[in-house]
Amino acid sequence: MITSSAWKDKKYAVLGLARSGRATVEALLAAGAEVLVWDDRIEAREPFAGRCAIGDPLEADLTGYAGVVVSPGVPLNTHPIKPHADGYGVPVIGDIELFAQARSELPSHKVVGITGTNGKSTTTALVHHILKAAGVPTAMGGNIGLPILEQEPLPEGGVYVLELSSYQIDLTFSLACDVAILLNITPDHLDRYDGFDAYAASKSRLFAMQKRGQHSIARFTDARSLGQFAEGSIASILEDVFQHRGIAPDEQNGWKSLAGSHNRENAAAAIEACDILGIPIDQIREGLRTYPGLPHRMERVAEIGGVAYVNDSKGTNTAASAPALAAFENIHWIVGGLAKEPGLGECEAELGHVKAAYTIGKSGDEFARLLEKRVSIKRSVTLEQALFDASNAAVSGDTVLLSPACASFDQYRDFEARGEHFRELVEALR
């Protein structure tokens, strides 16, 4: 694990004992810190009985504490932990901030930080894959993979590649990324922010933490600039990156897991980052060719009777689903769930690719209303019924696409559970 002597003999409270919370407690204890832990679930607290103090930080005197470490899932705008900690002058931080504090004791390394509303998981995994294929010691963490503090320190010359949500950036204050990437900003998670500009400003802090001489891709200095220009920022450097790195646009045809214009933009960001890190272009090209893709992101699950079945459960808002609609033809679109915004958003422009739509979940009726008279509609309600309806209607050459443009929480634990269910249902069709 990654630890720091800076934490020794200091007091920390950790609120939330899911994966990153557990890793944080273990790292702090290993460093000799005094830790108070809490989770509402009894079973989550049990492994720490007798090893550290157990109690709710909201009921604790936090005088002298070095920090309260919370899960990114804790809404700082509504949860009482923030004003409680502020009352004692104690910072509320996340595990990424602890990683930043530990960097000075790690072997010489670099950090790539990647944020944006959509595409950050793919770009993070792609940068990590290119580095790994090129023989560079690398670790992937943050909002993807294993908690960063749970991983072994990299040897000298290693590169940590971090996917960073706005929530994680909100809890981070000293992470100076050697390369920082902002992919795009579209309305999302606005229940956590005082409007779109505040959400954009959260993303921009990734750049504000950088130091002179470090590199940023799509760098803007204020929230209004971010909101006005960042959505097309990677697209604006796209052709320039391809032109100057010697990669022909038609090479994308050989990148089996990077179809679509959105992945072309993700690739441009990864190419630029890896070039900055000194990876030769031939090795970057090979990494693009061999990248295996992410689960639940335009994941081709099967082809049955000439019909392709694609799992894009990670499409949790309209901006995330639009690229999947753009990447295929003759689509039987499974859409719906817990909507994050009204309307069809960027999906509107891609309806020419859709033969029929099958609506599910809490927002199913609203999507049906929006789509009626434009495409054939079936109110399927559940994913199981939607797949049954779509598979019966699809013919050879069609694509059955799960890209819900919605969160999953009305029917599933998370988008992964929704995607796994889709996989299981497709396998049953065989």
Protein backbone atom coordinates (compact mmCIF):
# COMPACT_ATOMS: atom_id res chain seq x y z
CA MET A 1 0.00 0.00 0.00
CA ILE A 2 0.96 3.67 -0.25
CA THR A 3 1.63 5.43 3.06
CA SER A 4 3.35 8.56 4.33
CA SER A 5 5.35 9.38 7.44
CA ALA A 6 3.48 12.72 7.43
CA TRP A 7 0.45 10.92 8.84
CA LYS A 8 2.28 9.36 11.81
CA ASP A 9 0.84 10.25 15.21
CA LYS A 10 -1.85 12.44 13.65
CA LYS A 11 -5.58 11.98 14.14
CA TYR A 12 -7.97 11.32 11.26
CA ALA A 13 -11.65 10.45 11.00
CA VAL A 14 -12.80 8.28 8.09
CA LEU A 15 -16.48 8.44 7.16
CA GLY A 16 -17.61 5.64 4.82
CA LEU A 17 -15.99 2.21 4.74
CA ALA A 18 -16.53 1.01 1.19
CA ARG A 19 -13.50 0.11 -0.93
CA SER A 20 -11.65 3.44 -0.87
CA GLY A 21 -12.60 4.03 2.76
CA ARG A 22 -11.22 0.64 3.85
CA ALA A 23 -8.00 1.24 1.91
CA THR A 24 -7.66 4.67 3.50
CA VAL A 25 -8.00 3.29 7.02
CA GLU A 26 -5.43 0.56 6.35
CA ALA A 27 -2.93 3.06 4.93
CA LEU A 28 -3.38 5.49 7.83
CA LEU A 29 -3.00 2.72 10.42
CA ALA A 30 0.10 1.38 8.67
CA ALA A 31 1.60 4.88 8.82
CA GLY A 32 1.02 5.11 12.57
CA ALA A 33 -1.97 7.45 12.55
CA GLU A 34 -4.76 7.47 15.12
CA VAL A 35 -8.00 6.76 13.29
CA LEU A 36 -11.70 7.13 14.11
CA VAL A 37 -13.88 5.18 11.65
CA TRP A 38 -17.59 5.11 10.90
CA ASP A 39 -20.07 3.59 8.49
CA ASP A 40 -23.81 3.21 8.99
CA ARG A 41 -23.47 -0.50 8.16
CA ILE A 42 -22.48 -2.62 11.14
CA GLU A 43 -20.79 -5.20 8.92
CA ALA A 44 -18.55 -2.50 7.43
CA ARG A 45 -17.35 -1.45 10.89
CA GLU A 46 -16.66 -4.95 12.21
CA PRO A 47 -13.21 -5.49 10.61
CA PHE A 48 -11.86 -2.48 12.52
CA ALA A 49 -13.09 -3.48 15.98
CA GLY A 50 -10.14 -3.42 18.38
CA ARG A 51 -7.86 -1.87 15.77
CA CYS A 52 -9.01 1.75 15.97
CA ALA A 53 -11.72 3.92 17.47
CA ILE A 54 -15.23 3.43 16.10
CA GLY A 55 -17.70 6.28 16.25
CA ASP A 56 -19.62 8.77 14.16
CA PRO A 57 -17.47 11.86 13.44
CA LEU A 58 -20.63 13.95 13.61
CA GLU A 59 -20.79 13.17 17.31
CA ALA A 60 -17.04 13.53 17.94
CA ASP A 61 -14.94 16.40 19.24
CA LEU A 62 -12.63 16.92 16.26
CA THR A 63 -10.23 19.25 18.04
CA GLY A 64 -6.68 18.46 16.89
CA TYR A 65 -7.70 16.26 13.96
CA ALA A 66 -5.63 16.54 10.79
CA GLY A 67 -8.55 15.70 8.53
CA VAL A 68 -11.89 14.04 8.01
CA VAL A 69 -11.65 11.64 5.06
CA VAL A 70 -14.96 11.05 3.32
CA SER A 71 -16.13 9.00 0.36
CA PRO A 72 -16.72 11.00 -2.85
CA GLY A 73 -20.32 9.82 -2.55
CA VAL A 74 -20.90 12.05 0.48
CA PRO A 75 -22.70 15.19 -0.81
CA LEU A 76 -20.74 18.07 0.68
CA ASN A 77 -23.52 20.54 -0.17
CA THR A 78 -26.09 18.79 2.04
CA HIS A 79 -24.28 16.43 4.45
CA PRO A 80 -23.72 17.83 7.96
CA ILE A 81 -20.12 16.56 8.16
CA LYS A 82 -18.76 19.59 6.29
CA PRO A 83 -20.12 22.29 8.63
CA HIS A 84 -19.27 20.08 11.63
CA ALA A 85 -15.63 19.76 10.54
CA ASP A 86 -15.48 23.44 9.57
CA GLY A 87 -16.49 24.30 13.11
CA TYR A 88 -13.23 22.74 14.33
CA GLY A 89 -11.13 24.08 11.46
CA VAL A 90 -10.58 20.54 10.18
CA PRO A 91 -10.34 19.95 6.40
CA VAL A 92 -12.69 17.47 4.72
CA ILE A 93 -10.57 15.51 2.25
CA GLY A 94 -10.54 12.32 0.17
CA ASP A 95 -8.12 9.50 -0.48
CA ILE A 96 -6.69 11.34 -3.53
CA GLU A 97 -5.56 14.16 -1.26
CA LEU A 98 -3.81 11.62 0.98
CA PHE A 99 -2.11 10.19 -2.11
CA ALA A 100 -0.98 13.71 -3.03
CA GLN A 101 0.50 14.13 0.46
CA ALA A 102 2.35 10.81 0.12
CA ARG A 103 3.95 11.61 -3.24
CA SER A 104 7.10 13.22 -1.81
CA GLU A 105 8.15 9.88 -0.28
CA LEU A 106 7.41 7.78 -3.38
CA PRO A 107 10.10 6.91 -5.96
CA SER A 108 10.41 9.53 -8.70
CA HIS A 109 7.21 9.36 -10.78
CA LYS A 110 4.62 11.30 -12.75
CA VAL A 111 0.85 11.65 -12.37
CA VAL A 112 -1.70 11.99 -15.16
CA GLY A 113 -5.08 13.27 -13.96
CA ILE A 114 -8.11 12.94 -16.24
CA THR A 115 -11.50 14.55 -15.69
CA GLY A 116 -14.56 15.46 -17.73
CA THR A 117 -18.23 14.59 -17.71
CA ASN A 118 -17.93 11.81 -20.30
CA GLY A 119 -15.08 9.70 -21.64
CA LYS A 120 -12.78 9.87 -18.63
CA SER A 121 -12.89 6.13 -17.85
CA THR A 122 -12.04 5.19 -21.43
CA THR A 123 -9.27 7.79 -21.68
CA THR A 124 -7.79 6.77 -18.31
CA ALA A 125 -7.78 3.09 -19.22
CA LEU A 126 -6.37 3.89 -22.66
CA VAL A 127 -3.46 5.96 -21.31
CA HIS A 128 -2.74 3.23 -18.78
CA HIS A 129 -2.82 0.56 -21.50
CA ILE A 130 -0.49 2.47 -23.83
CA LEU A 131 2.01 3.02 -21.01
CA LYS A 132 1.84 -0.61 -19.91
CA ALA A 133 2.27 -1.87 -23.47
CA ALA A 134 5.30 0.41 -23.82
CA GLY A 135 6.91 -1.14 -20.74
CA VAL A 136 6.39 1.85 -18.43
CA PRO A 137 5.55 0.95 -14.81
CA THR A 138 2.03 2.27 -14.32
CA ALA A 139 -0.94 2.12 -11.96
CA MET A 140 -4.53 3.14 -12.61
CA GLY A 141 -6.78 4.44 -9.85
CA GLY A 142 -9.05 7.18 -8.61
CA ASN A 143 -12.56 6.66 -9.94
CA ILE A 144 -11.53 3.44 -11.69
CA GLY A 145 -9.79 0.23 -10.67
CA LEU A 146 -8.37 -0.38 -7.21
CA PRO A 147 -8.24 2.41 -4.60
CA ILE A 148 -4.95 4.22 -5.16
CA LEU A 149 -3.77 3.87 -1.53
CA GLU A 150 -4.30 0.10 -1.74
CA GLN A 151 -1.80 -0.24 -4.59
CA GLU A 152 1.91 -0.86 -4.31
CA PRO A 153 4.18 2.13 -4.93
CA LEU A 154 5.58 2.18 -8.45
CA PRO A 155 9.33 1.94 -9.04
CA GLU A 156 11.27 4.96 -10.26
CA GLY A 157 9.97 6.26 -13.57
CA GLY A 158 6.43 5.02 -12.96
CA VAL A 159 3.26 6.85 -13.99
CA TYR A 160 0.06 6.97 -11.90
CA VAL A 161 -2.99 7.47 -14.13
CA LEU A 162 -5.99 8.78 -12.20
CA GLU A 163 -9.60 9.18 -13.30
CA LEU A 164 -10.97 12.04 -11.23
CA SER A 165 -14.63 12.90 -10.79
CA SER A 166 -15.66 16.39 -9.73
CA TYR A 167 -16.52 14.90 -6.34
CA GLN A 168 -12.95 13.68 -5.90
CA ILE A 169 -11.50 16.99 -7.04
CA ASP A 170 -13.70 18.75 -4.46
CA LEU A 171 -11.90 16.73 -1.76
CA THR A 172 -8.39 17.32 -3.13
CA PHE A 173 -6.18 20.35 -2.54
CA SER A 174 -2.54 19.53 -3.35
CA LEU A 175 -2.52 17.12 -6.30
CA ALA A 176 -0.21 18.74 -8.87
CA CYS A 177 -0.63 16.56 -11.97
CA ASP A 178 2.27 16.41 -14.40
CA VAL A 179 -0.36 16.09 -17.12
CA ALA A 180 -3.96 17.19 -16.47
CA ILE A 181 -6.71 16.52 -19.00
CA LEU A 182 -10.19 18.00 -19.21
CA LEU A 183 -12.22 16.13 -21.81
CA ASN A 184 -15.57 17.95 -21.77
CA ILE A 185 -18.20 19.41 -19.51
CA THR A 186 -21.92 18.86 -19.98
CA PRO A 187 -24.67 19.24 -17.35
CA ASP A 188 -24.43 16.41 -14.82
CA HIS A 189 -24.60 15.99 -11.04
CA LEU A 190 -26.19 19.43 -10.72
CA ASP A 191 -27.90 18.31 -7.53
CA ARG A 192 -24.45 18.61 -5.93
CA TYR A 193 -23.62 22.09 -7.24
CA ASP A 194 -25.08 25.57 -7.30
CA GLY A 195 -25.57 25.56 -11.05
CA PHE A 196 -23.52 24.60 -14.08
CA ASP A 197 -20.78 27.22 -13.55
CA ALA A 198 -20.05 25.79 -10.09
CA TYR A 199 -19.81 22.28 -11.57
CA ALA A 200 -17.43 23.58 -14.24
CA ALA A 201 -15.37 25.39 -11.62
CA SER A 202 -14.98 22.13 -9.72
CA LYS A 203 -13.46 20.51 -12.79
CA SER A 204 -11.17 23.49 -13.38
CA ARG A 205 -9.52 23.05 -9.99
CA LEU A 206 -7.54 20.13 -11.44
CA PHE A 207 -5.59 22.75 -13.41
CA ALA A 208 -5.45 25.27 -10.56
CA MET A 209 -3.47 22.76 -8.48
CA GLN A 210 -0.77 22.39 -11.14
CA LYS A 211 2.67 23.98 -10.91
CA ARG A 212 4.73 25.87 -13.46
CA GLY A 213 6.17 23.56 -16.10
CA GLN A 214 3.40 20.96 -15.85
CA HIS A 215 1.16 20.21 -18.82
CA SER A 216 -2.57 20.69 -19.26
CA ILE A 217 -4.80 19.67 -22.14
CA ALA A 218 -7.86 21.90 -22.63
CA ARG A 219 -6.76 24.37 -20.02
CA PHE A 220 -9.17 27.16 -19.10
CA THR A 221 -8.90 29.58 -16.22
CA ASP A 222 -12.46 30.22 -15.10
CA ALA A 223 -15.79 28.50 -14.86
CA ARG A 224 -17.46 30.61 -17.54
CA SER A 225 -14.72 29.81 -20.06
CA LEU A 226 -15.03 26.17 -19.16
CA GLY A 227 -18.77 26.18 -19.62
CA GLN A 228 -18.58 28.03 -22.92
CA PHE A 229 -15.69 26.25 -24.61
CA ALA A 230 -14.65 23.04 -22.87
CA GLU A 231 -17.26 20.80 -24.43
CA GLY A 232 -15.45 21.05 -27.78
CA SER A 233 -11.95 21.51 -26.39
CA ILE A 234 -10.54 18.11 -27.27
CA ALA A 235 -12.25 18.21 -30.66
CA SER A 236 -10.53 21.51 -31.38
CA ILE A 237 -7.06 19.98 -30.94
CA LEU A 238 -8.03 16.68 -32.54
CA GLU A 239 -6.82 17.17 -36.09
CA ASP A 240 -3.73 18.99 -34.86
CA VAL A 241 -2.79 16.04 -32.63
CA PHE A 242 -3.26 13.50 -35.41
CA GLN A 243 -1.44 15.64 -37.96
CA HIS A 244 1.59 16.35 -35.81
CA ARG A 245 1.91 12.85 -34.37
CA GLY A 246 1.82 11.15 -37.78
CA ILE A 247 -1.38 9.17 -37.15
CA ALA A 248 -3.71 9.02 -40.14
CA PRO A 249 -7.44 9.44 -39.36
CA ASP A 250 -8.30 6.16 -41.09
CA GLU A 251 -6.09 4.26 -38.64
CA GLN A 252 -9.06 4.39 -36.25
CA ASN A 253 -10.59 1.60 -38.34
CA GLY A 254 -7.98 -0.70 -36.78
CA TRP A 255 -8.73 0.30 -33.19
CA LYS A 256 -11.27 -2.41 -32.46
CA SER A 257 -12.43 -0.97 -29.13
CA LEU A 258 -12.35 2.71 -30.05
CA ALA A 259 -15.14 3.17 -32.59
CA GLY A 260 -17.00 6.44 -32.97
CA SER A 261 -16.14 10.13 -33.06
CA HIS A 262 -16.16 10.36 -29.26
CA ASN A 263 -13.46 7.71 -29.02
CA ARG A 264 -11.50 9.57 -31.65
CA GLU A 265 -11.48 12.49 -29.24
CA ASN A 266 -10.56 10.25 -26.29
CA ALA A 267 -7.71 8.84 -28.38
CA ALA A 268 -6.49 12.35 -29.24
CA ALA A 269 -6.24 13.18 -25.54
CA ALA A 270 -4.41 9.92 -24.80
CA ILE A 271 -2.01 10.43 -27.72
CA GLU A 272 -1.18 13.94 -26.53
CA ALA A 273 -0.65 12.79 -22.92
CA CYS A 274 1.56 9.86 -23.88
CA ASP A 275 3.59 12.03 -26.26
CA ILE A 276 4.21 14.49 -23.41
CA LEU A 277 5.37 11.52 -21.31
CA GLY A 278 7.90 10.60 -23.99
CA ILE A 279 6.29 7.46 -25.42
CA PRO A 280 7.43 6.91 -29.05
CA ILE A 281 4.64 7.26 -31.58
CA ASP A 282 4.99 3.67 -32.83
CA GLN A 283 4.36 2.40 -29.31
CA ILE A 284 1.38 4.76 -28.94
CA ARG A 285 0.03 3.43 -32.23
CA GLU A 286 0.40 -0.17 -31.04
CA GLY A 287 -1.38 0.67 -27.78
CA LEU A 288 -4.32 2.14 -29.67
CA ARG A 289 -4.55 -0.98 -31.80
CA THR A 290 -4.45 -3.43 -28.87
CA TYR A 291 -6.60 -1.53 -26.36
CA PRO A 292 -9.28 -4.02 -25.21
CA GLY A 293 -11.96 -1.53 -24.17
CA LEU A 294 -13.94 -1.13 -20.94
CA PRO A 295 -16.78 -3.26 -19.64
CA HIS A 296 -20.20 -1.60 -20.06
CA ARG A 297 -18.88 0.98 -22.55
CA MET A 298 -19.92 0.12 -26.12
CA GLU A 299 -19.08 -3.48 -25.22
CA ARG A 300 -20.01 -5.91 -27.96
CA VAL A 301 -21.51 -8.78 -25.99
CA ALA A 302 -22.54 -11.11 -28.81
CA GLU A 303 -23.77 -11.47 -32.35
CA ILE A 304 -26.80 -13.74 -32.69
CA GLY A 305 -28.44 -14.36 -36.03
CA GLY A 306 -26.58 -11.42 -37.54
CA VAL A 307 -27.82 -9.05 -34.79
CA ALA A 308 -25.17 -7.33 -32.66
CA TYR A 309 -25.87 -6.90 -28.94
CA VAL A 310 -24.00 -3.97 -27.38
CA ASN A 311 -23.77 -3.15 -23.67
CA ASP A 312 -23.35 0.58 -23.11
CA SER A 313 -24.79 0.65 -19.59
CA LYS A 314 -22.22 3.31 -18.68
CA GLY A 315 -24.27 5.71 -20.79
CA THR A 316 -25.84 7.35 -17.74
CA ASN A 317 -26.79 10.68 -19.31
CA THR A 318 -27.80 11.82 -22.77
CA ALA A 319 -24.36 13.21 -23.61
CA ALA A 320 -22.82 9.83 -22.78
CA SER A 321 -25.33 7.86 -24.85
CA ALA A 322 -25.23 10.07 -27.95
CA PRO A 323 -21.81 8.76 -29.11
CA ALA A 324 -23.05 5.16 -28.92
CA LEU A 325 -26.08 6.07 -31.03
CA ALA A 326 -23.75 7.74 -33.51
CA ALA A 327 -21.47 4.70 -33.75
CA PHE A 328 -24.07 2.18 -35.00
CA GLU A 329 -26.85 1.90 -37.58
CA ASN A 330 -30.28 0.26 -37.48
CA ILE A 331 -30.40 0.51 -33.69
CA HIS A 332 -32.97 -1.03 -31.39
CA TRP A 333 -32.39 1.35 -28.49
CA ILE A 334 -33.08 0.33 -24.89
CA VAL A 335 -33.42 3.63 -23.03
CA GLY A 336 -34.60 4.85 -19.65
CA GLY A 337 -33.96 4.66 -15.94
CA LEU A 338 -33.47 7.53 -13.52
CA ALA A 339 -33.12 10.59 -15.77
CA LYS A 340 -30.50 13.18 -14.88
CA GLU A 341 -31.86 15.94 -17.10
CA PRO A 342 -35.03 16.68 -19.09
CA GLY A 343 -35.25 16.00 -22.79
CA LEU A 344 -33.14 14.00 -25.25
CA GLY A 345 -30.11 16.28 -25.15
CA GLU A 346 -27.38 15.28 -27.58
CA CYS A 347 -29.22 12.06 -28.42
CA GLU A 348 -31.69 14.14 -30.44
CA ALA A 349 -29.22 14.58 -33.29
CA GLU A 350 -28.59 10.81 -33.57
CA LEU A 351 -32.18 9.57 -33.87
CA GLY A 352 -31.63 8.86 -37.56
CA HIS A 353 -29.64 5.81 -36.48
CA VAL A 354 -32.56 4.42 -34.41
CA LYS A 355 -35.11 1.99 -35.87
CA ALA A 356 -37.03 1.47 -32.64
CA ALA A 357 -36.85 2.37 -28.96
CA TYR A 358 -37.77 0.26 -25.94
CA THR A 359 -38.31 2.35 -22.82
CA ILE A 360 -37.61 1.13 -19.29
CA GLY A 361 -37.51 2.40 -15.73
CA LYS A 362 -38.86 5.46 -13.98
CA SER A 363 -38.35 7.77 -16.96
CA GLY A 364 -39.65 5.26 -19.51
CA ASP A 365 -42.97 7.02 -20.12
CA GLU A 366 -41.26 10.38 -20.56
CA PHE A 367 -38.82 8.96 -23.13
CA ALA A 368 -41.72 7.31 -24.92
CA ARG A 369 -43.49 10.68 -25.08
CA LEU A 370 -40.34 12.38 -26.42
CA LEU A 371 -39.74 9.71 -29.05
CA GLU A 372 -43.27 8.99 -30.26
CA LYS A 373 -43.93 9.86 -33.92
CA ARG A 374 -40.16 9.88 -34.47
CA VAL A 375 -39.28 6.20 -34.04
CA SER A 376 -41.22 3.05 -33.30
CA ILE A 377 -41.87 2.84 -29.54
CA LYS A 378 -42.43 -0.04 -27.14
CA ARG A 379 -43.00 0.62 -23.44
CA SER A 380 -41.14 -2.40 -22.10
CA VAL A 381 -40.74 -1.20 -18.47
CA THR A 382 -38.05 -3.76 -17.53
CA LEU A 383 -34.72 -4.58 -19.14
CA GLU A 384 -35.70 -8.23 -19.49
CA GLN A 385 -38.86 -7.35 -21.40
CA ALA A 386 -37.02 -4.76 -23.49
CA LEU A 387 -34.42 -7.27 -24.63
CA PHE A 388 -37.16 -9.78 -25.43
CA ASP A 389 -39.05 -7.17 -27.47
CA ALA A 390 -35.93 -5.91 -29.26
CA SER A 391 -34.59 -9.36 -30.11
CA ASN A 392 -37.94 -10.35 -31.60
CA ALA A 393 -38.01 -7.23 -33.79
CA ALA A 394 -34.35 -7.10 -34.87
CA VAL A 395 -33.15 -8.61 -38.15
CA SER A 396 -29.68 -9.41 -39.47
CA GLY A 397 -27.60 -6.24 -39.70
CA ASP A 398 -29.37 -4.52 -36.78
CA THR A 399 -27.90 -3.61 -33.40
CA VAL A 400 -29.64 -4.03 -30.06
CA LEU A 401 -28.10 -1.31 -27.91
CA LEU A 402 -28.46 -0.84 -24.17
CA SER A 403 -27.46 2.80 -23.70
CA PRO A 404 -30.02 4.10 -21.21
CA ALA A 405 -29.03 7.79 -21.07
CA CYS A 406 -30.03 7.53 -17.39
CA ALA A 407 -28.75 6.49 -14.01
CA SER A 408 -29.69 2.98 -12.90
CA PHE A 409 -30.73 3.49 -9.29
CA ASP A 410 -34.47 3.12 -9.85
CA GLN A 411 -34.01 -0.56 -10.80
CA TYR A 412 -30.36 -1.53 -10.15
CA ARG A 413 -27.60 -1.03 -7.61
CA ASP A 414 -25.40 0.70 -10.22
CA PHE A 415 -24.74 0.78 -13.95
CA GLU A 416 -22.43 -2.24 -13.61
CA ALA A 417 -25.28 -4.37 -12.23
CA ARG A 418 -27.50 -3.19 -15.07
CA GLY A 419 -24.85 -4.08 -17.64
CA GLU A 420 -24.23 -7.48 -16.06
CA HIS A 421 -27.95 -8.24 -16.24
CA PHE A 422 -27.96 -7.29 -19.91
CA ARG A 423 -25.03 -9.67 -20.53
CA GLU A 424 -26.84 -12.48 -18.73
CA LEU A 425 -30.00 -11.91 -20.74
CA VAL A 426 -28.08 -11.89 -24.01
CA GLU A 427 -26.28 -15.11 -23.09
CA ALA A 428 -29.66 -16.69 -22.38
CA LEU A 429 -30.72 -15.85 -25.94
CA ARG A 430 -28.03 -18.17 -27.26
